[in-house]
Amino acid sequence: MRRRDGAPGRETQAADSTERRIWYGHGTLRRVEKDPLGMLLQDVIRIYAEISVLSLPVLVLVMLLPPGVWYDATATALVAWMLMTAVGTLIRGGWIQPLATETAGWVTLSPWLLALRVVYFNLAFVVSAFGGVVVAAALGWPPAGVLWAGPVAIVSILLFPRVAEETAARVGYH
């Protein structure tokens, strides 16, 4: 998707409009007016797919861990996954503002920013999920891992649009 106005690499139209693009198959793409629930559902699917597919390396690693570590890492990764999806959805729909930027909305799907997503989302999962396991082990209290994973996931997704803006500006995305 091309950037139209505002900051480089940012997709502001979904945040500023109640219309969403719908693909009907065989190359038919239209913009359709959505009610708030329809917008939310479409945005959840979009962000969930982005985060899930591009974070597969860490998600598969979590799945392959031995049983003693697996339970803790699965809990923290699941909390991070849900919160990253929820916050990303709210940013895309324009319901909340990302940190350190004046531009509302999510990040475009340009090749450079897809590559950034792979690195950024996997790093966010590593820090939130495995950092949560380390925090829980250090404190000897398993819920501490979830209490670590939640805020780390939320802050990482709130900062992602700003990181994407900076990356897009550096690579000359217009």
N, C-alpha and C. Protein backbone atom coordinates (compact mmCIF):
# COMPACT_ATOMS: atom_id res chain seq x y z
N MET A 1 0.85 -1.17 0.00
CA MET A 1 0.00 0.00 0.00
C MET A 1 0.89 1.23 0.00
N ARG A 2 0.57 2.22 -0.79
CA ARG A 2 1.35 3.44 -0.88
C ARG A 2 0.97 4.42 0.21
N ARG A 3 1.95 5.19 0.61
CA ARG A 3 1.70 6.26 1.58
C ARG A 3 1.05 7.41 0.84
N ARG A 4 0.01 7.96 1.38
CA ARG A 4 -0.67 9.08 0.72
C ARG A 4 -0.28 10.41 1.37
N ASP A 5 -0.45 10.53 2.64
CA ASP A 5 -0.15 11.76 3.37
C ASP A 5 0.51 11.40 4.69
N GLY A 6 1.08 12.40 5.33
CA GLY A 6 1.60 12.19 6.67
C GLY A 6 2.99 11.60 6.67
N ALA A 7 3.27 10.88 7.73
CA ALA A 7 4.60 10.33 7.96
C ALA A 7 4.91 9.20 6.99
N PRO A 8 6.18 9.03 6.64
CA PRO A 8 6.54 7.95 5.72
C PRO A 8 6.27 6.58 6.35
N GLY A 9 5.77 5.67 5.54
CA GLY A 9 5.54 4.31 6.00
C GLY A 9 4.30 4.12 6.85
N ARG A 10 3.46 5.12 6.91
CA ARG A 10 2.28 5.00 7.76
C ARG A 10 1.01 4.91 6.94
N GLU A 11 0.10 4.10 7.38
CA GLU A 11 -1.18 3.83 6.74
C GLU A 11 -2.26 4.53 7.57
N THR A 12 -2.59 5.74 7.20
CA THR A 12 -3.49 6.54 8.04
C THR A 12 -4.96 6.42 7.65
N GLN A 13 -5.24 5.94 6.48
CA GLN A 13 -6.61 5.95 5.98
C GLN A 13 -7.55 5.11 6.85
N ALA A 14 -7.11 3.96 7.33
CA ALA A 14 -7.97 3.11 8.17
C ALA A 14 -8.29 3.80 9.50
N ALA A 15 -7.36 4.59 10.01
CA ALA A 15 -7.58 5.29 11.27
C ALA A 15 -8.50 6.48 11.12
N ASP A 16 -8.56 7.06 9.91
CA ASP A 16 -9.34 8.27 9.68
C ASP A 16 -10.69 8.02 9.02
N SER A 17 -11.01 6.77 8.72
CA SER A 17 -12.20 6.47 7.94
C SER A 17 -12.93 5.26 8.49
N THR A 18 -14.20 5.15 8.16
CA THR A 18 -14.97 3.96 8.51
C THR A 18 -15.03 2.98 7.34
N GLU A 19 -14.28 3.27 6.29
CA GLU A 19 -14.23 2.37 5.14
C GLU A 19 -13.06 1.41 5.28
N ARG A 20 -13.26 0.20 4.78
CA ARG A 20 -12.20 -0.79 4.73
C ARG A 20 -12.17 -1.40 3.34
N ARG A 21 -11.00 -1.82 2.92
CA ARG A 21 -10.86 -2.48 1.62
C ARG A 21 -11.26 -3.94 1.77
N ILE A 22 -12.07 -4.39 0.84
CA ILE A 22 -12.56 -5.77 0.84
C ILE A 22 -12.17 -6.41 -0.48
N TRP A 23 -11.64 -7.62 -0.41
CA TRP A 23 -11.29 -8.36 -1.60
C TRP A 23 -12.36 -9.41 -1.84
N TYR A 24 -12.97 -9.36 -3.02
CA TYR A 24 -14.06 -10.27 -3.36
C TYR A 24 -13.59 -11.44 -4.21
N GLY A 25 -12.33 -11.54 -4.50
CA GLY A 25 -11.79 -12.62 -5.33
C GLY A 25 -11.71 -12.20 -6.78
N HIS A 26 -10.93 -12.92 -7.55
CA HIS A 26 -10.75 -12.66 -8.98
C HIS A 26 -10.37 -11.21 -9.26
N GLY A 27 -9.55 -10.62 -8.39
CA GLY A 27 -9.04 -9.28 -8.63
C GLY A 27 -9.99 -8.16 -8.28
N THR A 28 -11.12 -8.46 -7.69
CA THR A 28 -12.09 -7.42 -7.34
C THR A 28 -11.80 -6.90 -5.93
N LEU A 29 -11.45 -5.63 -5.86
CA LEU A 29 -11.14 -4.99 -4.59
C LEU A 29 -11.98 -3.72 -4.49
N ARG A 30 -12.70 -3.58 -3.39
CA ARG A 30 -13.56 -2.40 -3.21
C ARG A 30 -13.40 -1.85 -1.81
N ARG A 31 -13.79 -0.61 -1.67
CA ARG A 31 -13.87 0.01 -0.34
C ARG A 31 -15.32 -0.05 0.11
N VAL A 32 -15.53 -0.50 1.33
CA VAL A 32 -16.87 -0.70 1.87
C VAL A 32 -16.97 0.01 3.21
N GLU A 33 -18.08 0.68 3.43
CA GLU A 33 -18.36 1.32 4.72
C GLU A 33 -18.63 0.24 5.76
N LYS A 34 -18.00 0.36 6.93
CA LYS A 34 -18.17 -0.62 8.01
C LYS A 34 -18.67 0.08 9.27
N ASP A 35 -19.45 -0.64 10.05
CA ASP A 35 -19.81 -0.13 11.37
C ASP A 35 -18.63 -0.38 12.31
N PRO A 36 -18.64 0.18 13.52
CA PRO A 36 -17.48 0.02 14.40
C PRO A 36 -17.11 -1.44 14.68
N LEU A 37 -18.11 -2.31 14.85
CA LEU A 37 -17.79 -3.72 15.09
C LEU A 37 -17.13 -4.35 13.87
N GLY A 38 -17.63 -4.05 12.69
CA GLY A 38 -17.04 -4.57 11.46
C GLY A 38 -15.62 -4.08 11.26
N MET A 39 -15.37 -2.80 11.58
CA MET A 39 -14.02 -2.27 11.48
C MET A 39 -13.09 -2.99 12.47
N LEU A 40 -13.57 -3.16 13.70
CA LEU A 40 -12.77 -3.82 14.72
C LEU A 40 -12.43 -5.25 14.30
N LEU A 41 -13.42 -5.99 13.82
CA LEU A 41 -13.18 -7.37 13.42
C LEU A 41 -12.19 -7.45 12.26
N GLN A 42 -12.33 -6.60 11.28
CA GLN A 42 -11.41 -6.62 10.15
C GLN A 42 -10.00 -6.24 10.58
N ASP A 43 -9.90 -5.25 11.45
CA ASP A 43 -8.59 -4.82 11.92
C ASP A 43 -7.93 -5.89 12.80
N VAL A 44 -8.71 -6.58 13.62
CA VAL A 44 -8.16 -7.67 14.45
C VAL A 44 -7.57 -8.75 13.56
N ILE A 45 -8.31 -9.12 12.53
CA ILE A 45 -7.83 -10.17 11.62
C ILE A 45 -6.54 -9.74 10.94
N ARG A 46 -6.49 -8.52 10.47
CA ARG A 46 -5.30 -8.02 9.78
C ARG A 46 -4.08 -8.01 10.70
N ILE A 47 -4.22 -7.45 11.88
CA ILE A 47 -3.09 -7.34 12.80
C ILE A 47 -2.69 -8.71 13.34
N TYR A 48 -3.67 -9.54 13.68
CA TYR A 48 -3.38 -10.89 14.17
C TYR A 48 -2.58 -11.67 13.12
N ALA A 49 -2.99 -11.58 11.86
CA ALA A 49 -2.29 -12.29 10.79
C ALA A 49 -0.86 -11.76 10.64
N GLU A 50 -0.70 -10.44 10.67
CA GLU A 50 0.64 -9.85 10.56
C GLU A 50 1.56 -10.36 11.66
N ILE A 51 1.10 -10.23 12.88
CA ILE A 51 1.93 -10.60 14.02
C ILE A 51 2.19 -12.10 14.03
N SER A 52 1.18 -12.89 13.78
CA SER A 52 1.32 -14.34 13.85
C SER A 52 2.25 -14.89 12.78
N VAL A 53 2.04 -14.51 11.54
CA VAL A 53 2.85 -15.05 10.45
C VAL A 53 4.29 -14.57 10.54
N LEU A 54 4.49 -13.31 10.81
CA LEU A 54 5.84 -12.78 10.82
C LEU A 54 6.61 -13.12 12.09
N SER A 55 5.92 -13.62 13.11
CA SER A 55 6.57 -14.01 14.36
C SER A 55 6.71 -15.52 14.49
N LEU A 56 6.48 -16.25 13.42
CA LEU A 56 6.55 -17.70 13.48
C LEU A 56 7.87 -18.25 14.03
N PRO A 57 9.02 -17.66 13.73
CA PRO A 57 10.25 -18.24 14.29
C PRO A 57 10.21 -18.34 15.82
N VAL A 58 9.80 -17.29 16.50
CA VAL A 58 9.77 -17.34 17.97
C VAL A 58 8.59 -18.18 18.46
N LEU A 59 7.46 -18.10 17.78
CA LEU A 59 6.31 -18.90 18.20
C LEU A 59 6.60 -20.41 18.08
N VAL A 60 7.30 -20.80 17.04
CA VAL A 60 7.69 -22.21 16.88
C VAL A 60 8.70 -22.59 17.96
N LEU A 61 9.63 -21.70 18.25
CA LEU A 61 10.60 -21.95 19.32
C LEU A 61 9.89 -22.18 20.65
N VAL A 62 8.91 -21.37 20.96
CA VAL A 62 8.15 -21.54 22.20
C VAL A 62 7.49 -22.92 22.22
N MET A 63 6.93 -23.32 21.09
CA MET A 63 6.26 -24.61 21.01
C MET A 63 7.23 -25.77 21.19
N LEU A 64 8.48 -25.63 20.77
CA LEU A 64 9.46 -26.71 20.83
C LEU A 64 10.24 -26.79 22.14
N LEU A 65 9.99 -25.90 23.06
CA LEU A 65 10.71 -25.91 24.33
C LEU A 65 10.36 -27.14 25.16
N PRO A 66 11.29 -27.57 26.02
CA PRO A 66 10.98 -28.72 26.90
C PRO A 66 9.85 -28.38 27.87
N PRO A 67 9.14 -29.40 28.36
CA PRO A 67 7.94 -29.17 29.18
C PRO A 67 8.10 -28.24 30.39
N GLY A 68 9.22 -28.29 31.09
CA GLY A 68 9.38 -27.42 32.27
C GLY A 68 9.40 -25.95 31.92
N VAL A 69 10.05 -25.60 30.84
CA VAL A 69 10.14 -24.22 30.40
C VAL A 69 8.96 -23.87 29.51
N TRP A 70 8.45 -24.87 28.79
CA TRP A 70 7.40 -24.65 27.81
C TRP A 70 6.18 -23.99 28.44
N TYR A 71 5.76 -24.46 29.60
CA TYR A 71 4.56 -23.92 30.22
C TYR A 71 4.71 -22.43 30.50
N ASP A 72 5.80 -22.04 31.11
CA ASP A 72 6.02 -20.63 31.43
C ASP A 72 6.16 -19.78 30.18
N ALA A 73 6.93 -20.25 29.21
CA ALA A 73 7.13 -19.49 27.97
C ALA A 73 5.83 -19.40 27.18
N THR A 74 5.03 -20.45 27.21
CA THR A 74 3.76 -20.42 26.50
C THR A 74 2.82 -19.40 27.12
N ALA A 75 2.77 -19.35 28.43
CA ALA A 75 1.90 -18.38 29.11
C ALA A 75 2.32 -16.95 28.80
N THR A 76 3.61 -16.67 28.91
CA THR A 76 4.07 -15.31 28.66
C THR A 76 3.94 -14.94 27.18
N ALA A 77 4.23 -15.90 26.28
CA ALA A 77 4.09 -15.63 24.85
C ALA A 77 2.62 -15.40 24.48
N LEU A 78 1.72 -16.16 25.07
CA LEU A 78 0.30 -16.00 24.79
C LEU A 78 -0.20 -14.62 25.25
N VAL A 79 0.22 -14.21 26.41
CA VAL A 79 -0.16 -12.87 26.90
C VAL A 79 0.40 -11.80 25.95
N ALA A 80 1.66 -11.94 25.57
CA ALA A 80 2.28 -10.97 24.65
C ALA A 80 1.55 -10.97 23.32
N TRP A 81 1.24 -12.12 22.78
CA TRP A 81 0.56 -12.26 21.49
C TRP A 81 -0.80 -11.59 21.51
N MET A 82 -1.59 -11.87 22.55
CA MET A 82 -2.92 -11.27 22.65
C MET A 82 -2.84 -9.75 22.78
N LEU A 83 -1.94 -9.27 23.62
CA LEU A 83 -1.85 -7.82 23.84
C LEU A 83 -1.26 -7.09 22.64
N MET A 84 -0.29 -7.71 21.96
CA MET A 84 0.26 -7.09 20.75
C MET A 84 -0.83 -6.97 19.69
N THR A 85 -1.64 -8.01 19.55
CA THR A 85 -2.74 -7.97 18.58
C THR A 85 -3.78 -6.93 18.98
N ALA A 86 -4.16 -6.89 20.24
CA ALA A 86 -5.19 -5.95 20.69
C ALA A 86 -4.73 -4.50 20.52
N VAL A 87 -3.52 -4.19 20.94
CA VAL A 87 -3.03 -2.81 20.85
C VAL A 87 -2.80 -2.42 19.39
N GLY A 88 -2.25 -3.32 18.59
CA GLY A 88 -2.07 -3.05 17.16
C GLY A 88 -3.40 -2.78 16.47
N THR A 89 -4.42 -3.52 16.84
CA THR A 89 -5.76 -3.32 16.29
C THR A 89 -6.29 -1.94 16.65
N LEU A 90 -6.14 -1.55 17.90
CA LEU A 90 -6.62 -0.24 18.33
C LEU A 90 -5.86 0.90 17.66
N ILE A 91 -4.57 0.69 17.39
CA ILE A 91 -3.80 1.70 16.67
C ILE A 91 -4.27 1.78 15.23
N ARG A 92 -4.43 0.64 14.57
CA ARG A 92 -4.84 0.63 13.15
C ARG A 92 -6.19 1.31 12.97
N GLY A 93 -7.12 1.05 13.88
CA GLY A 93 -8.45 1.64 13.75
C GLY A 93 -8.53 3.08 14.18
N GLY A 94 -7.46 3.62 14.74
CA GLY A 94 -7.45 5.01 15.17
C GLY A 94 -8.07 5.22 16.54
N TRP A 95 -8.29 4.15 17.29
CA TRP A 95 -8.90 4.28 18.61
C TRP A 95 -7.90 4.73 19.66
N ILE A 96 -6.61 4.39 19.46
CA ILE A 96 -5.57 4.90 20.34
C ILE A 96 -4.42 5.43 19.50
N GLN A 97 -3.65 6.30 20.07
CA GLN A 97 -2.52 6.94 19.39
C GLN A 97 -1.23 6.22 19.74
N PRO A 98 -0.39 5.88 18.74
CA PRO A 98 0.90 5.28 19.06
C PRO A 98 1.81 6.28 19.78
N LEU A 99 2.81 5.75 20.45
CA LEU A 99 3.74 6.61 21.20
C LEU A 99 4.74 7.29 20.27
N ALA A 100 5.17 8.47 20.66
CA ALA A 100 6.25 9.22 20.02
C ALA A 100 5.98 9.60 18.57
N THR A 101 4.72 9.76 18.19
CA THR A 101 4.37 10.19 16.85
C THR A 101 3.03 10.90 16.88
N GLU A 102 2.86 11.83 15.98
CA GLU A 102 1.60 12.55 15.88
C GLU A 102 0.65 11.90 14.88
N THR A 103 1.16 10.96 14.09
CA THR A 103 0.39 10.33 13.03
C THR A 103 -0.40 9.15 13.57
N ALA A 104 -1.70 9.15 13.29
CA ALA A 104 -2.55 8.03 13.71
C ALA A 104 -2.44 6.91 12.69
N GLY A 105 -2.79 5.72 13.10
CA GLY A 105 -2.85 4.59 12.18
C GLY A 105 -1.65 3.68 12.25
N TRP A 106 -1.76 2.58 11.51
CA TRP A 106 -0.77 1.51 11.52
C TRP A 106 0.30 1.75 10.47
N VAL A 107 1.06 0.73 10.16
CA VAL A 107 2.23 0.81 9.30
C VAL A 107 1.91 0.15 7.96
N THR A 108 2.41 0.73 6.87
CA THR A 108 2.15 0.18 5.54
C THR A 108 2.84 -1.18 5.37
N LEU A 109 2.45 -1.86 4.31
CA LEU A 109 3.00 -3.19 4.02
C LEU A 109 4.09 -3.13 2.95
N SER A 110 4.95 -2.14 3.01
CA SER A 110 6.05 -2.06 2.05
C SER A 110 7.09 -3.14 2.37
N PRO A 111 7.90 -3.54 1.38
CA PRO A 111 8.89 -4.61 1.63
C PRO A 111 9.85 -4.31 2.78
N TRP A 112 10.38 -3.08 2.86
CA TRP A 112 11.29 -2.74 3.95
C TRP A 112 10.61 -2.87 5.30
N LEU A 113 9.35 -2.45 5.36
CA LEU A 113 8.66 -2.48 6.64
C LEU A 113 8.16 -3.88 6.99
N LEU A 114 8.00 -4.74 5.99
CA LEU A 114 7.73 -6.16 6.28
C LEU A 114 8.98 -6.80 6.90
N ALA A 115 10.13 -6.48 6.34
CA ALA A 115 11.38 -7.01 6.91
C ALA A 115 11.58 -6.48 8.33
N LEU A 116 11.27 -5.21 8.54
CA LEU A 116 11.36 -4.65 9.89
C LEU A 116 10.43 -5.39 10.84
N ARG A 117 9.21 -5.69 10.39
CA ARG A 117 8.26 -6.42 11.23
C ARG A 117 8.81 -7.76 11.69
N VAL A 118 9.45 -8.49 10.77
CA VAL A 118 9.98 -9.80 11.13
C VAL A 118 10.98 -9.66 12.28
N VAL A 119 11.88 -8.73 12.17
CA VAL A 119 12.88 -8.52 13.22
C VAL A 119 12.23 -7.97 14.49
N TYR A 120 11.43 -6.94 14.33
CA TYR A 120 10.85 -6.24 15.49
C TYR A 120 9.89 -7.12 16.27
N PHE A 121 8.95 -7.77 15.58
CA PHE A 121 7.96 -8.60 16.27
C PHE A 121 8.63 -9.78 16.98
N ASN A 122 9.59 -10.42 16.32
CA ASN A 122 10.28 -11.55 16.95
C ASN A 122 11.09 -11.08 18.16
N LEU A 123 11.73 -9.94 18.05
CA LEU A 123 12.47 -9.39 19.18
C LEU A 123 11.52 -9.03 20.33
N ALA A 124 10.37 -8.46 19.99
CA ALA A 124 9.39 -8.13 21.03
C ALA A 124 8.91 -9.39 21.74
N PHE A 125 8.69 -10.46 20.98
CA PHE A 125 8.29 -11.74 21.59
C PHE A 125 9.39 -12.31 22.46
N VAL A 126 10.62 -12.24 22.01
CA VAL A 126 11.74 -12.77 22.81
C VAL A 126 11.85 -12.02 24.13
N VAL A 127 11.81 -10.69 24.06
CA VAL A 127 11.95 -9.89 25.28
C VAL A 127 10.76 -10.08 26.21
N SER A 128 9.56 -10.11 25.65
CA SER A 128 8.39 -10.25 26.53
C SER A 128 8.22 -11.67 27.04
N ALA A 129 8.27 -12.67 26.16
CA ALA A 129 8.02 -14.05 26.58
C ALA A 129 9.17 -14.63 27.39
N PHE A 130 10.37 -14.59 26.83
CA PHE A 130 11.50 -15.19 27.54
C PHE A 130 11.99 -14.30 28.67
N GLY A 131 11.84 -12.99 28.52
CA GLY A 131 12.13 -12.10 29.65
C GLY A 131 11.20 -12.38 30.81
N GLY A 132 9.94 -12.67 30.48
CA GLY A 132 8.98 -13.03 31.53
C GLY A 132 9.35 -14.31 32.24
N VAL A 133 9.86 -15.28 31.50
CA VAL A 133 10.31 -16.54 32.12
C VAL A 133 11.47 -16.26 33.06
N VAL A 134 12.41 -15.43 32.62
CA VAL A 134 13.57 -15.09 33.46
C VAL A 134 13.13 -14.33 34.71
N VAL A 135 12.23 -13.37 34.55
CA VAL A 135 11.74 -12.60 35.70
C VAL A 135 11.02 -13.52 36.69
N ALA A 136 10.17 -14.41 36.18
CA ALA A 136 9.43 -15.34 37.04
C ALA A 136 10.39 -16.26 37.80
N ALA A 137 11.42 -16.75 37.12
CA ALA A 137 12.39 -17.62 37.77
C ALA A 137 13.20 -16.86 38.81
N ALA A 138 13.58 -15.63 38.49
CA ALA A 138 14.39 -14.83 39.42
C ALA A 138 13.61 -14.48 40.68
N LEU A 139 12.32 -14.21 40.51
CA LEU A 139 11.51 -13.84 41.68
C LEU A 139 10.89 -15.05 42.36
N GLY A 140 10.91 -16.19 41.68
CA GLY A 140 10.30 -17.39 42.25
C GLY A 140 8.79 -17.32 42.33
N TRP A 141 8.20 -16.48 41.49
CA TRP A 141 6.75 -16.29 41.48
C TRP A 141 6.26 -16.29 40.04
N PRO A 142 5.66 -17.39 39.58
CA PRO A 142 5.28 -17.52 38.16
C PRO A 142 4.43 -16.38 37.59
N PRO A 143 3.49 -15.80 38.33
CA PRO A 143 2.72 -14.70 37.73
C PRO A 143 3.56 -13.47 37.37
N ALA A 144 4.75 -13.35 37.93
CA ALA A 144 5.62 -12.22 37.59
C ALA A 144 5.99 -12.23 36.12
N GLY A 145 6.07 -13.41 35.53
CA GLY A 145 6.39 -13.51 34.11
C GLY A 145 5.32 -12.88 33.24
N VAL A 146 4.07 -13.13 33.61
CA VAL A 146 2.95 -12.54 32.87
C VAL A 146 2.90 -11.03 33.11
N LEU A 147 3.20 -10.63 34.33
CA LEU A 147 3.22 -9.19 34.64
C LEU A 147 4.36 -8.48 33.91
N TRP A 148 5.40 -9.19 33.54
CA TRP A 148 6.47 -8.64 32.72
C TRP A 148 6.05 -8.60 31.25
N ALA A 149 5.53 -9.71 30.76
CA ALA A 149 5.21 -9.86 29.34
C ALA A 149 4.17 -8.84 28.87
N GLY A 150 3.17 -8.58 29.68
CA GLY A 150 2.10 -7.66 29.30
C GLY A 150 2.58 -6.26 28.97
N PRO A 151 3.20 -5.58 29.91
CA PRO A 151 3.66 -4.22 29.62
C PRO A 151 4.72 -4.15 28.52
N VAL A 152 5.61 -5.13 28.45
CA VAL A 152 6.63 -5.12 27.39
C VAL A 152 5.96 -5.23 26.02
N ALA A 153 4.98 -6.12 25.89
CA ALA A 153 4.26 -6.28 24.62
C ALA A 153 3.51 -5.00 24.24
N ILE A 154 2.84 -4.41 25.21
CA ILE A 154 2.06 -3.20 24.95
C ILE A 154 2.97 -2.06 24.50
N VAL A 155 4.03 -1.82 25.23
CA VAL A 155 4.93 -0.72 24.89
C VAL A 155 5.62 -0.97 23.55
N SER A 156 5.99 -2.21 23.29
CA SER A 156 6.67 -2.49 22.00
C SER A 156 5.76 -2.20 20.82
N ILE A 157 4.48 -2.54 20.92
CA ILE A 157 3.56 -2.28 19.81
C ILE A 157 3.20 -0.80 19.75
N LEU A 158 3.09 -0.13 20.87
CA LEU A 158 2.83 1.31 20.85
C LEU A 158 3.98 2.09 20.22
N LEU A 159 5.20 1.57 20.32
CA LEU A 159 6.37 2.24 19.73
C LEU A 159 6.64 1.82 18.29
N PHE A 160 6.07 0.70 17.85
CA PHE A 160 6.37 0.19 16.51
C PHE A 160 6.08 1.19 15.39
N PRO A 161 4.95 1.90 15.38
CA PRO A 161 4.74 2.86 14.30
C PRO A 161 5.84 3.94 14.21
N ARG A 162 6.35 4.37 15.33
CA ARG A 162 7.43 5.36 15.32
C ARG A 162 8.71 4.75 14.76
N VAL A 163 9.02 3.54 15.15
CA VAL A 163 10.20 2.86 14.62
C VAL A 163 10.06 2.67 13.11
N ALA A 164 8.85 2.34 12.67
CA ALA A 164 8.60 2.17 11.23
C ALA A 164 8.75 3.49 10.48
N GLU A 165 8.29 4.59 11.06
CA GLU A 165 8.47 5.91 10.45
C GLU A 165 9.94 6.21 10.24
N GLU A 166 10.73 5.98 11.28
CA GLU A 166 12.16 6.25 11.21
C GLU A 166 12.83 5.37 10.15
N THR A 167 12.45 4.11 10.12
CA THR A 167 13.02 3.19 9.13
C THR A 167 12.63 3.60 7.72
N ALA A 168 11.37 3.94 7.51
CA ALA A 168 10.90 4.35 6.19
C ALA A 168 11.61 5.62 5.73
N ALA A 169 11.83 6.54 6.63
CA ALA A 169 12.53 7.78 6.28
C ALA A 169 13.98 7.49 5.90
N ARG A 170 14.62 6.56 6.61
CA ARG A 170 16.02 6.23 6.33
C ARG A 170 16.20 5.54 4.99
N VAL A 171 15.25 4.67 4.62
CA VAL A 171 15.40 3.94 3.36
C VAL A 171 14.80 4.69 2.19
N GLY A 172 14.27 5.88 2.46
CA GLY A 172 13.75 6.73 1.40
C GLY A 172 12.39 6.31 0.88
N TYR A 173 11.57 5.71 1.72
CA TYR A 173 10.22 5.28 1.30
C TYR A 173 9.33 6.51 1.19
N HIS A 174 8.69 6.69 0.05
CA HIS A 174 7.78 7.82 -0.15
C HIS A 174 6.50 7.36 -0.72
